């Protein structure tokens, strides 16, 4: 259910153009598992609707550029979001209307980031969601920047973010769903790279 909810959110966010304030910083967010949701299914569905509406609101304000669920084998990381905010306090304010976050059912793990090649936010297909791959390179087993650039230049990956702190050093996205091939391409450069399923609107990853 949660994956379908995130998929709907990702599709809802597909729209051309994104206004960016010069003072705003790019933040890469992992939405992570918090406390268990209540057993009341109607209440959970209402939270999901509010969660999606908040994403739409942030996108319309030019603050959010991408969001979608991922399949963490440990079921801890639930999705990714990229936003621009002048500070961490401002960023957390974005989620004030989101009951999932406000009540602790999801936790916001936000890290300042640099996009060497950002996820695409223009001219994307908002009618559906496609399965792609997210690659997490741990700080404990870093990959050389030259090797990651080569993967981007070759078209093996379509987006690349460097996170400035935390256990994840680099995040890449590939439109291909060939997990084994991606793992093989990364193996010579990082022994700990993880390749997981990710869902985003078609065209977000090129």
C-alpha atoms as a PDB file:
ATOM      1  CA  UNK A   1       0.000   0.000   0.000  1.00  0.00           C
ATOM      2  CA  UNK A   2       2.723   2.443   0.928  1.00  0.00           C
ATOM      3  CA  UNK A   3       4.587   1.742  -2.338  1.00  0.00           C
ATOM      4  CA  UNK A   4       1.424   2.471  -4.346  1.00  0.00           C
ATOM      5  CA  UNK A   5       0.925   5.650  -2.340  1.00  0.00           C
ATOM      6  CA  UNK A   6       4.441   6.859  -3.066  1.00  0.00           C
ATOM      7  CA  UNK A   7       4.018   5.947  -6.719  1.00  0.00           C
ATOM      8  CA  UNK A   8       0.924   8.131  -6.878  1.00  0.00           C
ATOM      9  CA  UNK A   9       2.879  10.934  -5.240  1.00  0.00           C
ATOM     10  CA  UNK A  10       5.692  10.598  -7.734  1.00  0.00           C
ATOM     11  CA  UNK A  11       3.268  10.807 -10.648  1.00  0.00           C
ATOM     12  CA  UNK A  12       1.505  13.803  -9.124  1.00  0.00           C
ATOM     13  CA  UNK A  13       4.772  15.697  -8.941  1.00  0.00           C
ATOM     14  CA  UNK A  14       5.533  15.521 -12.645  1.00  0.00           C
ATOM     15  CA  UNK A  15       5.233  19.033 -14.070  1.00  0.00           C
ATOM     16  CA  UNK A  16       7.401  21.229 -16.263  1.00  0.00           C
ATOM     17  CA  UNK A  17       9.737  23.832 -14.794  1.00  0.00           C
ATOM     18  CA  UNK A  18      10.982  24.427 -11.285  1.00  0.00           C
ATOM     19  CA  UNK A  19      11.678  27.862  -9.846  1.00  0.00           C
ATOM     20  CA  UNK A  20      14.816  27.931  -7.730  1.00  0.00           C
ATOM     21  CA  UNK A  21      15.797  30.659  -5.314  1.00  0.00           C
ATOM     22  CA  UNK A  22      19.487  31.431  -5.518  1.00  0.00           C
ATOM     23  CA  UNK A  23      19.894  31.280  -1.736  1.00  0.00           C
ATOM     24  CA  UNK A  24      18.294  27.863  -1.416  1.00  0.00           C
ATOM     25  CA  UNK A  25      20.477  24.807  -0.910  1.00  0.00           C
ATOM     26  CA  UNK A  26      19.843  21.389  -2.418  1.00  0.00           C
ATOM     27  CA  UNK A  27      18.904  18.712   0.120  1.00  0.00           C
ATOM     28  CA  UNK A  28      18.646  14.991  -0.502  1.00  0.00           C
ATOM     29  CA  UNK A  29      16.117  13.353   1.810  1.00  0.00           C
ATOM     30  CA  UNK A  30      15.604   9.753   2.780  1.00  0.00           C
ATOM     31  CA  UNK A  31      12.178   9.219   4.318  1.00  0.00           C
ATOM     32  CA  UNK A  32      12.791   6.512   6.891  1.00  0.00           C
ATOM     33  CA  UNK A  33      10.672   4.218   9.019  1.00  0.00           C
ATOM     34  CA  UNK A  34       9.313   5.731  12.204  1.00  0.00           C
ATOM     35  CA  UNK A  35       6.811   4.394  14.704  1.00  0.00           C
ATOM     36  CA  UNK A  36       4.097   1.960  13.519  1.00  0.00           C
ATOM     37  CA  UNK A  37       1.086   3.511  11.825  1.00  0.00           C
ATOM     38  CA  UNK A  38      -2.261   3.151  13.625  1.00  0.00           C
ATOM     39  CA  UNK A  39      -4.493   0.156  12.847  1.00  0.00           C
ATOM     40  CA  UNK A  40      -7.288   2.448  11.603  1.00  0.00           C
ATOM     41  CA  UNK A  41      -7.068   1.986   7.806  1.00  0.00           C
ATOM     42  CA  UNK A  42      -9.242   5.015   7.068  1.00  0.00           C
ATOM     43  CA  UNK A  43      -6.973   7.207   9.191  1.00  0.00           C
ATOM     44  CA  UNK A  44      -3.914   5.868   7.369  1.00  0.00           C
ATOM     45  CA  UNK A  45      -5.516   6.531   3.987  1.00  0.00           C
ATOM     46  CA  UNK A  46      -6.281  10.091   5.080  1.00  0.00           C
ATOM     47  CA  UNK A  47      -2.648  10.532   6.073  1.00  0.00           C
ATOM     48  CA  UNK A  48      -1.569   9.222   2.680  1.00  0.00           C
ATOM     49  CA  UNK A  49      -3.793  11.725   0.897  1.00  0.00           C
ATOM     50  CA  UNK A  50      -2.396  14.535   3.012  1.00  0.00           C
ATOM     51  CA  UNK A  51       1.133  13.317   2.347  1.00  0.00           C
ATOM     52  CA  UNK A  52       0.560  13.468  -1.426  1.00  0.00           C
ATOM     53  CA  UNK A  53      -1.129  16.866  -1.214  1.00  0.00           C
ATOM     54  CA  UNK A  54       1.842  18.248   0.686  1.00  0.00           C
ATOM     55  CA  UNK A  55       4.187  16.995  -2.037  1.00  0.00           C
ATOM     56  CA  UNK A  56       1.991  18.727  -4.634  1.00  0.00           C
ATOM     57  CA  UNK A  57       2.056  21.931  -2.598  1.00  0.00           C
ATOM     58  CA  UNK A  58       5.848  21.910  -2.314  1.00  0.00           C
ATOM     59  CA  UNK A  59       6.235  21.219  -6.026  1.00  0.00           C
ATOM     60  CA  UNK A  60       3.909  24.101  -6.905  1.00  0.00           C
ATOM     61  CA  UNK A  61       6.011  26.380  -4.697  1.00  0.00           C
ATOM     62  CA  UNK A  62       9.155  25.375  -6.588  1.00  0.00           C
ATOM     63  CA  UNK A  63      10.699  23.759  -3.514  1.00  0.00           C
ATOM     64  CA  UNK A  64      10.484  20.066  -4.427  1.00  0.00           C
ATOM     65  CA  UNK A  65      11.824  18.505  -7.622  1.00  0.00           C
ATOM     66  CA  UNK A  66      11.535  14.722  -7.150  1.00  0.00           C
ATOM     67  CA  UNK A  67       9.987  12.119  -4.857  1.00  0.00           C
ATOM     68  CA  UNK A  68       9.394   8.390  -5.016  1.00  0.00           C
ATOM     69  CA  UNK A  69       9.470   5.121  -3.084  1.00  0.00           C
ATOM     70  CA  UNK A  70      12.336   2.664  -2.937  1.00  0.00           C
ATOM     71  CA  UNK A  71      12.677  -0.967  -1.917  1.00  0.00           C
ATOM     72  CA  UNK A  72      15.151  -1.134   0.940  1.00  0.00           C
ATOM     73  CA  UNK A  73      15.671  -4.837   1.763  1.00  0.00           C
ATOM     74  CA  UNK A  74      15.627  -3.867   5.448  1.00  0.00           C
ATOM     75  CA  UNK A  75      12.385  -1.858   4.970  1.00  0.00           C
ATOM     76  CA  UNK A  76      13.960   1.094   6.810  1.00  0.00           C
ATOM     77  CA  UNK A  77      14.402   3.643   4.032  1.00  0.00           C
ATOM     78  CA  UNK A  78      10.988   4.169   2.464  1.00  0.00           C
ATOM     79  CA  UNK A  79      11.520   6.825  -0.190  1.00  0.00           C
ATOM     80  CA  UNK A  80      13.584   9.720  -1.487  1.00  0.00           C
ATOM     81  CA  UNK A  81      12.784  13.401  -1.878  1.00  0.00           C
ATOM     82  CA  UNK A  82      14.907  16.235  -3.283  1.00  0.00           C
ATOM     83  CA  UNK A  83      14.117  19.779  -2.199  1.00  0.00           C
ATOM     84  CA  UNK A  84      15.675  23.219  -1.990  1.00  0.00           C
ATOM     85  CA  UNK A  85      15.656  25.127   1.293  1.00  0.00           C
ATOM     86  CA  UNK A  86      17.720  27.883   2.872  1.00  0.00           C
ATOM     87  CA  UNK A  87      18.168  25.934   6.128  1.00  0.00           C
ATOM     88  CA  UNK A  88      17.307  22.656   7.825  1.00  0.00           C
ATOM     89  CA  UNK A  89      14.663  24.485   9.891  1.00  0.00           C
ATOM     90  CA  UNK A  90      12.993  25.744   6.725  1.00  0.00           C
ATOM     91  CA  UNK A  91      13.160  22.256   5.247  1.00  0.00           C
ATOM     92  CA  UNK A  92      11.469  20.686   8.252  1.00  0.00           C
ATOM     93  CA  UNK A  93       8.784  23.327   8.003  1.00  0.00           C
ATOM     94  CA  UNK A  94       7.909  21.939   4.582  1.00  0.00           C
ATOM     95  CA  UNK A  95       6.691  18.767   6.298  1.00  0.00           C
ATOM     96  CA  UNK A  96       4.646  20.473   9.020  1.00  0.00           C
ATOM     97  CA  UNK A  97       1.344  19.722   7.211  1.00  0.00           C
ATOM     98  CA  UNK A  98       2.386  16.086   6.684  1.00  0.00           C
ATOM     99  CA  UNK A  99       0.915  13.966   9.484  1.00  0.00           C
ATOM    100  CA  UNK A 100       3.147  11.030   8.583  1.00  0.00           C
ATOM    101  CA  UNK A 101       6.164  13.129   9.508  1.00  0.00           C
ATOM    102  CA  UNK A 102       4.588  15.336  12.152  1.00  0.00           C
ATOM    103  CA  UNK A 103       3.441  12.338  14.191  1.00  0.00           C
ATOM    104  CA  UNK A 104       6.659  10.378  13.745  1.00  0.00           C
ATOM    105  CA  UNK A 105       5.388   7.634  11.407  1.00  0.00           C
ATOM    106  CA  UNK A 106       8.137   8.671   8.973  1.00  0.00           C
ATOM    107  CA  UNK A 107      11.430  10.316   9.804  1.00  0.00           C
ATOM    108  CA  UNK A 108      13.139  12.918   7.613  1.00  0.00           C
ATOM    109  CA  UNK A 109      16.847  12.225   7.098  1.00  0.00           C
ATOM    110  CA  UNK A 110      17.955  15.299   5.132  1.00  0.00           C
ATOM    111  CA  UNK A 111      21.527  15.908   3.970  1.00  0.00           C
ATOM    112  CA  UNK A 112      22.942  18.847   1.968  1.00  0.00           C
ATOM    113  CA  UNK A 113      23.875  17.584  -1.463  1.00  0.00           C
ATOM    114  CA  UNK A 114      25.568  18.478  -4.727  1.00  0.00           C
ATOM    115  CA  UNK A 115      23.934  17.340  -7.958  1.00  0.00           C
ATOM    116  CA  UNK A 116      26.520  16.515 -10.617  1.00  0.00           C
ATOM    117  CA  UNK A 117      23.607  15.421 -12.789  1.00  0.00           C
ATOM    118  CA  UNK A 118      20.192  16.014 -11.259  1.00  0.00           C
ATOM    119  CA  UNK A 119      17.007  14.051 -11.762  1.00  0.00           C
ATOM    120  CA  UNK A 120      15.001  15.577 -14.595  1.00  0.00           C
ATOM    121  CA  UNK A 121      11.974  17.713 -13.696  1.00  0.00           C
ATOM    122  CA  UNK A 122      10.910  18.890 -17.146  1.00  0.00           C
ATOM    123  CA  UNK A 123       8.836  17.282 -19.870  1.00  0.00           C
ATOM    124  CA  UNK A 124       8.276  14.057 -17.945  1.00  0.00           C
ATOM    125  CA  UNK A 125       5.376  11.631 -18.265  1.00  0.00           C
ATOM    126  CA  UNK A 126       3.111  12.168 -15.274  1.00  0.00           C
ATOM    127  CA  UNK A 127       0.562   9.516 -16.249  1.00  0.00           C
ATOM    128  CA  UNK A 128       2.382   6.579 -14.687  1.00  0.00           C
ATOM    129  CA  UNK A 129       5.383   5.465 -12.662  1.00  0.00           C
ATOM    130  CA  UNK A 130       8.271   3.324 -13.843  1.00  0.00           C
ATOM    131  CA  UNK A 131      10.670   1.088 -11.993  1.00  0.00           C
ATOM    132  CA  UNK A 132      14.283   2.222 -12.111  1.00  0.00           C
ATOM    133  CA  UNK A 133      17.295   1.625  -9.856  1.00  0.00           C
ATOM    134  CA  UNK A 134      18.857   3.665  -7.082  1.00  0.00           C
ATOM    135  CA  UNK A 135      22.513   3.083  -6.194  1.00  0.00           C
ATOM    136  CA  UNK A 136      23.840   3.960  -2.733  1.00  0.00           C
ATOM    137  CA  UNK A 137      27.605   4.212  -2.347  1.00  0.00           C
ATOM    138  CA  UNK A 138      28.606   4.123   1.341  1.00  0.00           C
ATOM    139  CA  UNK A 139      31.131   6.540   2.754  1.00  0.00           C
ATOM    140  CA  UNK A 140      32.994   3.538   4.167  1.00  0.00           C
ATOM    141  CA  UNK A 141      33.628   2.208   0.631  1.00  0.00           C
ATOM    142  CA  UNK A 142      33.821   5.312  -1.567  1.00  0.00           C
ATOM    143  CA  UNK A 143      33.989   5.249  -5.340  1.00  0.00           C
ATOM    144  CA  UNK A 144      36.401   7.545  -7.209  1.00  0.00           C
ATOM    145  CA  UNK A 145      34.669  10.569  -8.711  1.00  0.00           C
ATOM    146  CA  UNK A 146      36.305   9.850 -12.076  1.00  0.00           C
ATOM    147  CA  UNK A 147      34.720   6.387 -12.126  1.00  0.00           C
ATOM    148  CA  UNK A 148      31.261   7.758 -11.344  1.00  0.00           C
ATOM    149  CA  UNK A 149      31.648  10.453 -13.985  1.00  0.00           C
ATOM    150  CA  UNK A 150      32.539   7.753 -16.495  1.00  0.00           C
ATOM    151  CA  UNK A 151      29.331   5.885 -15.639  1.00  0.00           C
ATOM    152  CA  UNK A 152      27.336   9.078 -16.196  1.00  0.00           C
ATOM    153  CA  UNK A 153      29.138   9.878 -19.453  1.00  0.00           C
ATOM    154  CA  UNK A 154      28.511   6.343 -20.709  1.00  0.00           C
ATOM    155  CA  UNK A 155      24.807   6.575 -19.894  1.00  0.00           C
ATOM    156  CA  UNK A 156      24.989   3.728 -17.382  1.00  0.00           C
ATOM    157  CA  UNK A 157      23.518   6.043 -14.742  1.00  0.00           C
ATOM    158  CA  UNK A 158      21.284   9.025 -15.408  1.00  0.00           C
ATOM    159  CA  UNK A 159      21.621  11.075 -12.212  1.00  0.00           C
ATOM    160  CA  UNK A 160      24.337  11.527  -9.591  1.00  0.00           C
ATOM    161  CA  UNK A 161      24.226  13.244  -6.189  1.00  0.00           C
ATOM    162  CA  UNK A 162      27.034  13.603  -3.652  1.00  0.00           C
ATOM    163  CA  UNK A 163      25.834  13.785  -0.028  1.00  0.00           C
ATOM    164  CA  UNK A 164      27.990  15.929   2.224  1.00  0.00           C
ATOM    165  CA  UNK A 165      27.512  13.929   5.420  1.00  0.00           C
ATOM    166  CA  UNK A 166      26.130  10.680   6.770  1.00  0.00           C
ATOM    167  CA  UNK A 167      26.854   7.033   5.932  1.00  0.00           C
ATOM    168  CA  UNK A 168      25.827   7.377   2.269  1.00  0.00           C
ATOM    169  CA  UNK A 169      28.380   9.287   0.191  1.00  0.00           C
ATOM    170  CA  UNK A 170      26.937   9.067  -3.319  1.00  0.00           C
ATOM    171  CA  UNK A 171      23.479   8.394  -4.746  1.00  0.00           C
ATOM    172  CA  UNK A 172      23.019   7.458  -8.383  1.00  0.00           C
ATOM    173  CA  UNK A 173      19.946   6.593 -10.426  1.00  0.00           C
ATOM    174  CA  UNK A 174      19.779   4.313 -13.465  1.00  0.00           C
ATOM    175  CA  UNK A 175      16.817   3.801 -15.752  1.00  0.00           C
ATOM    176  CA  UNK A 176      17.920   0.232 -16.399  1.00  0.00           C
ATOM    177  CA  UNK A 177      16.428  -2.439 -14.151  1.00  0.00           C
ATOM    178  CA  UNK A 178      19.388  -4.774 -14.751  1.00  0.00           C
ATOM    179  CA  UNK A 179      20.566  -4.935 -11.145  1.00  0.00           C
ATOM    180  CA  UNK A 180      23.325  -7.480 -11.783  1.00  0.00           C
ATOM    181  CA  UNK A 181      24.811  -5.392 -14.603  1.00  0.00           C
ATOM    182  CA  UNK A 182      24.835  -2.276 -12.429  1.00  0.00           C
ATOM    183  CA  UNK A 183      26.443  -4.171  -9.569  1.00  0.00           C
ATOM    184  CA  UNK A 184      29.112  -5.465 -11.960  1.00  0.00           C
ATOM    185  CA  UNK A 185      29.787  -1.950 -13.286  1.00  0.00           C
ATOM    186  CA  UNK A 186      30.219  -0.613  -9.746  1.00  0.00           C
ATOM    187  CA  UNK A 187      32.146  -3.552  -8.263  1.00  0.00           C
ATOM    188  CA  UNK A 188      35.626  -2.405  -9.420  1.00  0.00           C
ATOM    189  CA  UNK A 189      35.064   1.006  -7.807  1.00  0.00           C
ATOM    190  CA  UNK A 190      33.142   0.380  -4.561  1.00  0.00           C
ATOM    191  CA  UNK A 191      32.857  -2.938  -2.751  1.00  0.00           C
ATOM    192  CA  UNK A 192      29.855  -1.777  -0.731  1.00  0.00           C
ATOM    193  CA  UNK A 193      27.588  -0.183  -3.361  1.00  0.00           C
ATOM    194  CA  UNK A 194      23.929  -1.185  -2.974  1.00  0.00           C
ATOM    195  CA  UNK A 195      21.496  -1.339  -5.902  1.00  0.00           C
ATOM    196  CA  UNK A 196      17.810  -1.181  -4.974  1.00  0.00           C
ATOM    197  CA  UNK A 197      14.510  -0.840  -6.806  1.00  0.00           C
ATOM    198  CA  UNK A 198      13.207   2.732  -7.078  1.00  0.00           C
ATOM    199  CA  UNK A 199       9.982   4.142  -8.533  1.00  0.00           C
ATOM    200  CA  UNK A 200       9.791   7.526 -10.260  1.00  0.00           C
ATOM    201  CA  UNK A 201       7.751   9.065 -13.057  1.00  0.00           C
ATOM    202  CA  UNK A 202       8.960   8.147 -16.562  1.00  0.00           C
ATOM    203  CA  UNK A 203      11.490  10.670 -17.775  1.00  0.00           C
ATOM    204  CA  UNK A 204      12.766  11.643 -14.327  1.00  0.00           C
ATOM    205  CA  UNK A 205      15.768   9.349 -14.893  1.00  0.00           C
ATOM    206  CA  UNK A 206      17.211   9.688 -18.384  1.00  0.00           C
END
